[in-house]
Amino acid sequence: MMNENWLNQVLKSDIKLKERKRLLLTQIGYLRINIFSEYFERVKLLREKNQLNEAVELMNKHAEIASMFISTKEQPASVKRLKELLSIRSTEPIEYLRKWRAAYEAWFKQESNQQPIDNKKRMEEFDQLKMAFLELYTFSFSVDNFPPLRERRSDH
């Protein structure tokens, strides 16, 4: 993360709008990574304490943040056809959001059933939910919202 004063100074300078946008998106991306790290540490601690519902709620809070960065644009038909021709299977980022939401709802739906819950099975279900959360987080990043840093050219 950049120093706030330096960031403000750069943003007020005469750099191109495109470069300012890239810089801001990159800084937002780093901030998202830092926030995720803090949330995920808390999730791991809650799991160790067997406070799974609290951990799931915490993951859902962060999923709400990640969902703002999920692209809802569908790929052009030509790209879809090309992928089909090449037998390339790729999941759209929005599918990871749907998967998370379905798993989150299923977690609490099962919790509301009055049947006794096997602790080992519940822990396995939690770990599967955590994987859906990690997928959502990972695929919430794209070149559009976390552009790669440009390499500086040297004229040697």
N, C-alpha and C. Protein backbone atom coordinates (compact mmCIF):
# COMPACT_ATOMS: atom_id res chain seq x y z
N MET A 1 0.84 -1.17 0.00
CA MET A 1 0.00 0.00 0.00
C MET A 1 0.89 1.24 0.00
N MET A 2 0.43 2.22 -0.73
CA MET A 2 1.16 3.48 -0.80
C MET A 2 0.79 4.37 0.38
N ASN A 3 1.71 5.23 0.73
CA ASN A 3 1.46 6.24 1.72
C ASN A 3 0.35 7.15 1.19
N GLU A 4 -0.61 7.49 2.03
CA GLU A 4 -1.77 8.27 1.60
C GLU A 4 -1.38 9.62 1.01
N ASN A 5 -0.42 10.30 1.64
CA ASN A 5 0.01 11.60 1.12
C ASN A 5 0.63 11.47 -0.27
N TRP A 6 1.47 10.46 -0.43
CA TRP A 6 2.10 10.25 -1.73
C TRP A 6 1.06 9.90 -2.78
N LEU A 7 0.10 9.05 -2.41
CA LEU A 7 -0.96 8.66 -3.34
C LEU A 7 -1.75 9.91 -3.77
N ASN A 8 -2.13 10.75 -2.83
CA ASN A 8 -2.86 11.98 -3.16
C ASN A 8 -2.05 12.88 -4.07
N GLN A 9 -0.78 12.98 -3.79
CA GLN A 9 0.10 13.81 -4.62
C GLN A 9 0.16 13.27 -6.05
N VAL A 10 0.30 11.97 -6.19
CA VAL A 10 0.35 11.36 -7.53
C VAL A 10 -0.97 11.56 -8.25
N LEU A 11 -2.08 11.38 -7.55
CA LEU A 11 -3.39 11.52 -8.19
C LEU A 11 -3.67 12.95 -8.63
N LYS A 12 -3.10 13.92 -7.94
CA LYS A 12 -3.29 15.32 -8.31
C LYS A 12 -2.30 15.79 -9.37
N SER A 13 -1.35 14.93 -9.69
CA SER A 13 -0.34 15.31 -10.69
C SER A 13 -0.95 15.26 -12.09
N ASP A 14 -0.12 15.48 -13.06
CA ASP A 14 -0.58 15.54 -14.46
C ASP A 14 -0.57 14.18 -15.16
N ILE A 15 -0.56 13.10 -14.41
CA ILE A 15 -0.56 11.80 -15.09
C ILE A 15 -1.91 11.57 -15.75
N LYS A 16 -1.88 10.72 -16.75
CA LYS A 16 -3.09 10.45 -17.53
C LYS A 16 -4.16 9.80 -16.65
N LEU A 17 -5.41 10.06 -17.02
CA LEU A 17 -6.55 9.50 -16.29
C LEU A 17 -6.46 7.98 -16.23
N LYS A 18 -6.07 7.38 -17.33
CA LYS A 18 -5.95 5.91 -17.39
C LYS A 18 -4.94 5.40 -16.35
N GLU A 19 -3.84 6.13 -16.19
CA GLU A 19 -2.83 5.73 -15.21
C GLU A 19 -3.32 5.95 -13.78
N ARG A 20 -4.08 7.03 -13.56
CA ARG A 20 -4.66 7.25 -12.23
C ARG A 20 -5.63 6.13 -11.87
N LYS A 21 -6.44 5.75 -12.86
CA LYS A 21 -7.41 4.67 -12.63
C LYS A 21 -6.68 3.37 -12.30
N ARG A 22 -5.64 3.06 -13.05
CA ARG A 22 -4.85 1.85 -12.80
C ARG A 22 -4.27 1.88 -11.40
N LEU A 23 -3.72 3.01 -11.02
CA LEU A 23 -3.12 3.16 -9.70
C LEU A 23 -4.15 2.95 -8.59
N LEU A 24 -5.31 3.60 -8.73
CA LEU A 24 -6.36 3.46 -7.72
C LEU A 24 -6.87 2.02 -7.63
N LEU A 25 -7.12 1.41 -8.77
CA LEU A 25 -7.60 0.02 -8.76
C LEU A 25 -6.58 -0.92 -8.13
N THR A 26 -5.32 -0.66 -8.40
CA THR A 26 -4.27 -1.49 -7.81
C THR A 26 -4.25 -1.31 -6.29
N GLN A 27 -4.36 -0.07 -5.83
CA GLN A 27 -4.37 0.18 -4.39
C GLN A 27 -5.60 -0.44 -3.72
N ILE A 28 -6.74 -0.34 -4.39
CA ILE A 28 -7.95 -0.98 -3.87
C ILE A 28 -7.75 -2.50 -3.80
N GLY A 29 -7.11 -3.06 -4.80
CA GLY A 29 -6.82 -4.49 -4.80
C GLY A 29 -5.96 -4.90 -3.63
N TYR A 30 -4.91 -4.11 -3.35
CA TYR A 30 -4.04 -4.41 -2.20
C TYR A 30 -4.82 -4.29 -0.90
N LEU A 31 -5.68 -3.31 -0.82
CA LEU A 31 -6.51 -3.16 0.38
C LEU A 31 -7.42 -4.37 0.56
N ARG A 32 -8.02 -4.84 -0.55
CA ARG A 32 -8.88 -6.03 -0.48
C ARG A 32 -8.09 -7.25 -0.02
N ILE A 33 -6.86 -7.38 -0.48
CA ILE A 33 -6.02 -8.50 -0.06
C ILE A 33 -5.75 -8.43 1.44
N ASN A 34 -5.44 -7.23 1.93
CA ASN A 34 -5.18 -7.05 3.37
C ASN A 34 -6.42 -7.37 4.20
N ILE A 35 -7.56 -6.86 3.76
CA ILE A 35 -8.81 -7.13 4.48
C ILE A 35 -9.12 -8.63 4.48
N PHE A 36 -8.96 -9.27 3.32
CA PHE A 36 -9.20 -10.70 3.24
C PHE A 36 -8.29 -11.45 4.22
N SER A 37 -7.03 -11.08 4.27
CA SER A 37 -6.09 -11.77 5.17
C SER A 37 -6.57 -11.69 6.62
N GLU A 38 -7.03 -10.52 7.02
CA GLU A 38 -7.53 -10.36 8.39
C GLU A 38 -8.78 -11.21 8.62
N TYR A 39 -9.72 -11.17 7.69
CA TYR A 39 -10.94 -11.96 7.82
C TYR A 39 -10.60 -13.45 7.87
N PHE A 40 -9.73 -13.88 6.98
CA PHE A 40 -9.43 -15.31 6.90
C PHE A 40 -8.74 -15.81 8.16
N GLU A 41 -7.88 -15.00 8.76
CA GLU A 41 -7.26 -15.38 10.03
C GLU A 41 -8.33 -15.56 11.11
N ARG A 42 -9.28 -14.65 11.13
CA ARG A 42 -10.37 -14.75 12.11
C ARG A 42 -11.23 -15.99 11.84
N VAL A 43 -11.45 -16.32 10.57
CA VAL A 43 -12.22 -17.52 10.22
C VAL A 43 -11.49 -18.76 10.73
N LYS A 44 -10.18 -18.80 10.52
CA LYS A 44 -9.40 -19.97 10.99
C LYS A 44 -9.47 -20.11 12.50
N LEU A 45 -9.39 -18.98 13.22
CA LEU A 45 -9.48 -19.03 14.69
C LEU A 45 -10.85 -19.52 15.14
N LEU A 46 -11.91 -19.04 14.49
CA LEU A 46 -13.25 -19.48 14.84
C LEU A 46 -13.44 -20.96 14.55
N ARG A 47 -12.84 -21.45 13.46
CA ARG A 47 -12.93 -22.87 13.14
C ARG A 47 -12.25 -23.69 14.23
N GLU A 48 -11.06 -23.24 14.66
CA GLU A 48 -10.34 -23.94 15.73
C GLU A 48 -11.15 -24.00 17.01
N LYS A 49 -11.93 -22.95 17.27
CA LYS A 49 -12.77 -22.90 18.47
C LYS A 49 -14.11 -23.60 18.26
N ASN A 50 -14.29 -24.16 17.07
CA ASN A 50 -15.53 -24.85 16.69
C ASN A 50 -16.73 -23.90 16.68
N GLN A 51 -16.48 -22.65 16.42
CA GLN A 51 -17.54 -21.65 16.29
C GLN A 51 -17.83 -21.47 14.80
N LEU A 52 -18.37 -22.52 14.21
CA LEU A 52 -18.52 -22.58 12.76
C LEU A 52 -19.54 -21.59 12.22
N ASN A 53 -20.65 -21.43 12.89
CA ASN A 53 -21.65 -20.47 12.40
C ASN A 53 -21.10 -19.05 12.35
N GLU A 54 -20.33 -18.68 13.38
CA GLU A 54 -19.72 -17.35 13.40
C GLU A 54 -18.72 -17.21 12.26
N ALA A 55 -17.96 -18.28 12.01
CA ALA A 55 -16.99 -18.26 10.91
C ALA A 55 -17.70 -18.12 9.56
N VAL A 56 -18.81 -18.82 9.40
CA VAL A 56 -19.58 -18.75 8.15
C VAL A 56 -20.13 -17.34 7.97
N GLU A 57 -20.64 -16.73 9.03
CA GLU A 57 -21.15 -15.37 8.94
C GLU A 57 -20.04 -14.39 8.57
N LEU A 58 -18.87 -14.59 9.13
CA LEU A 58 -17.74 -13.73 8.81
C LEU A 58 -17.33 -13.89 7.33
N MET A 59 -17.31 -15.12 6.86
CA MET A 59 -17.01 -15.34 5.44
C MET A 59 -18.05 -14.66 4.57
N ASN A 60 -19.30 -14.72 4.99
CA ASN A 60 -20.36 -14.09 4.20
C ASN A 60 -20.20 -12.58 4.15
N LYS A 61 -19.77 -11.98 5.26
CA LYS A 61 -19.52 -10.53 5.25
C LYS A 61 -18.46 -10.18 4.22
N HIS A 62 -17.41 -10.99 4.17
CA HIS A 62 -16.37 -10.71 3.18
C HIS A 62 -16.84 -11.07 1.77
N ALA A 63 -17.68 -12.07 1.63
CA ALA A 63 -18.22 -12.43 0.32
C ALA A 63 -19.01 -11.26 -0.26
N GLU A 64 -19.66 -10.50 0.63
CA GLU A 64 -20.40 -9.31 0.17
C GLU A 64 -19.45 -8.29 -0.45
N ILE A 65 -18.28 -8.14 0.15
CA ILE A 65 -17.27 -7.24 -0.41
C ILE A 65 -16.80 -7.78 -1.76
N ALA A 66 -16.45 -9.06 -1.80
CA ALA A 66 -15.94 -9.66 -3.04
C ALA A 66 -16.98 -9.60 -4.15
N SER A 67 -18.26 -9.74 -3.78
CA SER A 67 -19.31 -9.77 -4.80
C SER A 67 -19.39 -8.46 -5.58
N MET A 68 -18.97 -7.36 -4.95
CA MET A 68 -18.99 -6.07 -5.66
C MET A 68 -17.98 -6.03 -6.80
N PHE A 69 -17.03 -6.95 -6.79
CA PHE A 69 -15.98 -6.95 -7.79
C PHE A 69 -16.15 -8.09 -8.80
N ILE A 70 -17.21 -8.87 -8.66
CA ILE A 70 -17.47 -9.97 -9.60
C ILE A 70 -18.06 -9.39 -10.88
N SER A 71 -17.49 -9.78 -11.97
CA SER A 71 -17.98 -9.31 -13.26
C SER A 71 -19.28 -10.04 -13.60
N THR A 72 -20.29 -9.27 -13.95
CA THR A 72 -21.57 -9.87 -14.35
C THR A 72 -21.73 -9.86 -15.87
N LYS A 73 -20.69 -9.37 -16.56
CA LYS A 73 -20.74 -9.34 -18.02
C LYS A 73 -20.57 -10.75 -18.56
N GLU A 74 -21.42 -11.10 -19.50
CA GLU A 74 -21.26 -12.40 -20.14
C GLU A 74 -20.23 -12.25 -21.25
N GLN A 75 -19.56 -13.37 -21.52
CA GLN A 75 -18.60 -13.36 -22.62
C GLN A 75 -19.34 -13.27 -23.94
N PRO A 76 -18.70 -12.65 -24.92
CA PRO A 76 -19.32 -12.60 -26.25
C PRO A 76 -19.55 -14.01 -26.79
N ALA A 77 -20.58 -14.15 -27.61
CA ALA A 77 -20.92 -15.46 -28.18
C ALA A 77 -19.73 -16.06 -28.94
N SER A 78 -18.96 -15.22 -29.61
CA SER A 78 -17.82 -15.73 -30.38
C SER A 78 -16.77 -16.37 -29.46
N VAL A 79 -16.55 -15.78 -28.29
CA VAL A 79 -15.59 -16.34 -27.33
C VAL A 79 -16.12 -17.66 -26.78
N LYS A 80 -17.42 -17.71 -26.49
CA LYS A 80 -18.03 -18.95 -26.00
C LYS A 80 -17.89 -20.07 -27.02
N ARG A 81 -18.18 -19.75 -28.30
CA ARG A 81 -18.06 -20.77 -29.35
C ARG A 81 -16.63 -21.25 -29.50
N LEU A 82 -15.68 -20.33 -29.45
CA LEU A 82 -14.27 -20.69 -29.56
C LEU A 82 -13.87 -21.63 -28.42
N LYS A 83 -14.30 -21.31 -27.23
CA LYS A 83 -13.99 -22.17 -26.08
C LYS A 83 -14.61 -23.55 -26.25
N GLU A 84 -15.84 -23.59 -26.78
CA GLU A 84 -16.49 -24.89 -27.02
C GLU A 84 -15.72 -25.68 -28.06
N LEU A 85 -15.30 -25.02 -29.12
CA LEU A 85 -14.53 -25.69 -30.17
C LEU A 85 -13.21 -26.25 -29.63
N LEU A 86 -12.59 -25.50 -28.76
CA LEU A 86 -11.31 -25.92 -28.18
C LEU A 86 -11.49 -26.78 -26.93
N SER A 87 -12.73 -27.07 -26.60
CA SER A 87 -13.06 -27.87 -25.41
C SER A 87 -12.49 -27.25 -24.13
N ILE A 88 -12.54 -25.95 -24.07
CA ILE A 88 -12.08 -25.25 -22.87
C ILE A 88 -13.30 -24.97 -21.99
N ARG A 89 -13.24 -25.51 -20.80
CA ARG A 89 -14.31 -25.26 -19.85
C ARG A 89 -13.83 -24.20 -18.86
N SER A 90 -14.57 -23.14 -18.77
CA SER A 90 -14.24 -22.13 -17.77
C SER A 90 -15.55 -21.67 -17.14
N THR A 91 -15.46 -21.45 -15.88
CA THR A 91 -16.63 -21.01 -15.13
C THR A 91 -16.61 -19.49 -15.07
N GLU A 92 -17.75 -18.90 -15.34
CA GLU A 92 -17.87 -17.45 -15.24
C GLU A 92 -17.77 -17.05 -13.77
N PRO A 93 -17.14 -15.93 -13.48
CA PRO A 93 -17.01 -15.49 -12.08
C PRO A 93 -18.35 -15.42 -11.34
N ILE A 94 -19.41 -15.04 -12.03
CA ILE A 94 -20.72 -14.94 -11.38
C ILE A 94 -21.18 -16.30 -10.83
N GLU A 95 -20.71 -17.37 -11.45
CA GLU A 95 -21.07 -18.71 -10.97
C GLU A 95 -20.48 -19.00 -9.59
N TYR A 96 -19.31 -18.44 -9.32
CA TYR A 96 -18.71 -18.62 -8.00
C TYR A 96 -19.51 -17.88 -6.93
N LEU A 97 -20.08 -16.76 -7.30
CA LEU A 97 -20.95 -16.02 -6.39
C LEU A 97 -22.22 -16.83 -6.13
N ARG A 98 -22.81 -17.38 -7.17
CA ARG A 98 -24.02 -18.21 -7.00
C ARG A 98 -23.71 -19.44 -6.14
N LYS A 99 -22.55 -20.06 -6.39
CA LYS A 99 -22.16 -21.25 -5.62
C LYS A 99 -22.02 -20.89 -4.14
N TRP A 100 -21.38 -19.75 -3.84
CA TRP A 100 -21.23 -19.33 -2.46
C TRP A 100 -22.59 -19.12 -1.80
N ARG A 101 -23.44 -18.36 -2.48
CA ARG A 101 -24.75 -18.04 -1.89
C ARG A 101 -25.57 -19.30 -1.62
N ALA A 102 -25.53 -20.25 -2.55
CA ALA A 102 -26.26 -21.50 -2.36
C ALA A 102 -25.69 -22.29 -1.19
N ALA A 103 -24.37 -22.35 -1.10
CA ALA A 103 -23.73 -23.09 -0.01
C ALA A 103 -24.00 -22.42 1.33
N TYR A 104 -23.97 -21.11 1.35
CA TYR A 104 -24.24 -20.35 2.58
C TYR A 104 -25.67 -20.61 3.06
N GLU A 105 -26.62 -20.54 2.15
CA GLU A 105 -28.02 -20.80 2.52
C GLU A 105 -28.20 -22.24 2.98
N ALA A 106 -27.55 -23.17 2.30
CA ALA A 106 -27.66 -24.58 2.67
C ALA A 106 -27.08 -24.83 4.07
N TRP A 107 -26.03 -24.12 4.41
CA TRP A 107 -25.40 -24.28 5.73
C TRP A 107 -26.41 -24.00 6.84
N PHE A 108 -27.11 -22.90 6.74
CA PHE A 108 -28.05 -22.53 7.80
C PHE A 108 -29.37 -23.28 7.69
N LYS A 109 -29.71 -23.73 6.49
CA LYS A 109 -30.92 -24.54 6.34
C LYS A 109 -30.72 -25.87 7.07
N GLN A 110 -29.55 -26.46 6.89
CA GLN A 110 -29.25 -27.72 7.57
C GLN A 110 -29.17 -27.50 9.08
N GLU A 111 -28.66 -26.34 9.47
CA GLU A 111 -28.54 -25.99 10.88
C GLU A 111 -29.92 -25.93 11.54
N SER A 112 -30.92 -25.47 10.77
CA SER A 112 -32.26 -25.31 11.33
C SER A 112 -33.00 -26.64 11.46
N ASN A 113 -32.53 -27.66 10.75
CA ASN A 113 -33.13 -29.00 10.92
C ASN A 113 -32.88 -29.45 12.35
N GLN A 114 -33.83 -30.10 12.94
CA GLN A 114 -33.72 -30.48 14.34
C GLN A 114 -32.99 -31.81 14.55
N GLN A 115 -32.42 -32.35 13.49
CA GLN A 115 -31.71 -33.62 13.62
C GLN A 115 -30.32 -33.37 14.21
N PRO A 116 -29.82 -34.34 14.99
CA PRO A 116 -28.46 -34.18 15.54
C PRO A 116 -27.44 -34.15 14.40
N ILE A 117 -26.43 -33.31 14.58
CA ILE A 117 -25.43 -33.12 13.54
C ILE A 117 -24.14 -33.82 13.95
N ASP A 118 -23.62 -34.66 13.05
CA ASP A 118 -22.34 -35.32 13.26
C ASP A 118 -21.25 -34.26 13.12
N ASN A 119 -20.45 -34.09 14.18
CA ASN A 119 -19.44 -33.03 14.22
C ASN A 119 -18.41 -33.18 13.10
N LYS A 120 -17.97 -34.39 12.82
CA LYS A 120 -16.97 -34.62 11.77
C LYS A 120 -17.56 -34.25 10.41
N LYS A 121 -18.80 -34.66 10.18
CA LYS A 121 -19.46 -34.35 8.91
C LYS A 121 -19.67 -32.84 8.78
N ARG A 122 -20.03 -32.20 9.88
CA ARG A 122 -20.25 -30.75 9.86
C ARG A 122 -18.95 -30.01 9.55
N MET A 123 -17.85 -30.50 10.09
CA MET A 123 -16.54 -29.89 9.84
C MET A 123 -16.16 -30.05 8.37
N GLU A 124 -16.46 -31.21 7.78
CA GLU A 124 -16.20 -31.43 6.35
C GLU A 124 -17.05 -30.48 5.51
N GLU A 125 -18.31 -30.30 5.89
CA GLU A 125 -19.18 -29.37 5.17
C GLU A 125 -18.66 -27.94 5.29
N PHE A 126 -18.16 -27.61 6.47
CA PHE A 126 -17.58 -26.29 6.67
C PHE A 126 -16.38 -26.08 5.75
N ASP A 127 -15.53 -27.08 5.66
CA ASP A 127 -14.35 -26.97 4.81
C ASP A 127 -14.74 -26.83 3.33
N GLN A 128 -15.80 -27.49 2.92
CA GLN A 128 -16.29 -27.32 1.54
C GLN A 128 -16.83 -25.90 1.34
N LEU A 129 -17.53 -25.40 2.32
CA LEU A 129 -18.03 -24.02 2.25
C LEU A 129 -16.87 -23.05 2.19
N LYS A 130 -15.84 -23.32 2.97
CA LYS A 130 -14.65 -22.46 2.96
C LYS A 130 -13.99 -22.46 1.58
N MET A 131 -13.99 -23.61 0.90
CA MET A 131 -13.43 -23.67 -0.45
C MET A 131 -14.26 -22.82 -1.41
N ALA A 132 -15.57 -22.86 -1.30
CA ALA A 132 -16.42 -22.02 -2.14
C ALA A 132 -16.13 -20.54 -1.87
N PHE A 133 -15.89 -20.21 -0.62
CA PHE A 133 -15.53 -18.84 -0.24
C PHE A 133 -14.20 -18.43 -0.88
N LEU A 134 -13.21 -19.31 -0.81
CA LEU A 134 -11.90 -19.01 -1.39
C LEU A 134 -11.98 -18.86 -2.91
N GLU A 135 -12.80 -19.68 -3.55
CA GLU A 135 -12.98 -19.55 -4.99
C GLU A 135 -13.61 -18.20 -5.33
N LEU A 136 -14.62 -17.83 -4.58
CA LEU A 136 -15.28 -16.54 -4.81
C LEU A 136 -14.28 -15.40 -4.66
N TYR A 137 -13.52 -15.44 -3.60
CA TYR A 137 -12.52 -14.40 -3.36
C TYR A 137 -11.52 -14.35 -4.51
N THR A 138 -11.00 -15.49 -4.90
CA THR A 138 -10.00 -15.55 -5.97
C THR A 138 -10.54 -15.00 -7.28
N PHE A 139 -11.74 -15.42 -7.65
CA PHE A 139 -12.29 -15.01 -8.93
C PHE A 139 -12.97 -13.64 -8.89
N SER A 140 -12.91 -12.98 -7.73
CA SER A 140 -13.40 -11.60 -7.69
C SER A 140 -12.34 -10.64 -8.21
N PHE A 141 -11.14 -11.14 -8.40
CA PHE A 141 -10.07 -10.33 -8.97
C PHE A 141 -10.02 -10.55 -10.47
N SER A 142 -9.84 -9.48 -11.20
CA SER A 142 -9.69 -9.57 -12.65
C SER A 142 -8.75 -8.46 -13.10
N VAL A 143 -8.36 -8.52 -14.34
CA VAL A 143 -7.50 -7.46 -14.89
C VAL A 143 -8.25 -6.13 -14.88
N ASP A 144 -9.57 -6.19 -14.98
CA ASP A 144 -10.36 -4.96 -14.98
C ASP A 144 -10.35 -4.25 -13.62
N ASN A 145 -10.34 -5.04 -12.52
CA ASN A 145 -10.42 -4.39 -11.21
C ASN A 145 -9.13 -4.48 -10.40
N PHE A 146 -8.12 -5.17 -10.92
CA PHE A 146 -6.81 -5.25 -10.26
C PHE A 146 -5.76 -5.37 -11.35
N PRO A 147 -5.56 -4.25 -12.07
CA PRO A 147 -4.66 -4.31 -13.22
C PRO A 147 -3.22 -4.61 -12.81
N PRO A 148 -2.54 -5.36 -13.65
CA PRO A 148 -1.13 -5.63 -13.33
C PRO A 148 -0.32 -4.34 -13.40
N LEU A 149 0.69 -4.28 -12.58
CA LEU A 149 1.56 -3.10 -12.62
C LEU A 149 2.34 -3.10 -13.92
N ARG A 150 2.46 -1.94 -14.48
CA ARG A 150 3.24 -1.83 -15.72
C ARG A 150 4.71 -1.90 -15.39
N GLU A 151 5.43 -2.58 -16.26
CA GLU A 151 6.87 -2.65 -16.07
C GLU A 151 7.48 -1.35 -16.55
N ARG A 152 8.45 -0.90 -15.83
CA ARG A 152 9.15 0.31 -16.25
C ARG A 152 10.19 -0.08 -17.29
N ARG A 153 10.20 0.68 -18.33
CA ARG A 153 11.16 0.42 -19.41
C ARG A 153 12.46 1.14 -19.08
N SER A 154 13.51 0.46 -19.34
CA SER A 154 14.80 1.12 -19.16
C SER A 154 15.43 1.30 -20.54
N ASP A 155 15.96 2.44 -20.77
CA ASP A 155 16.55 2.74 -22.07
C ASP A 155 18.06 2.61 -21.99
N HIS A 156 18.52 1.38 -21.80
CA HIS A 156 19.95 1.14 -21.72
C HIS A 156 20.53 0.92 -23.08
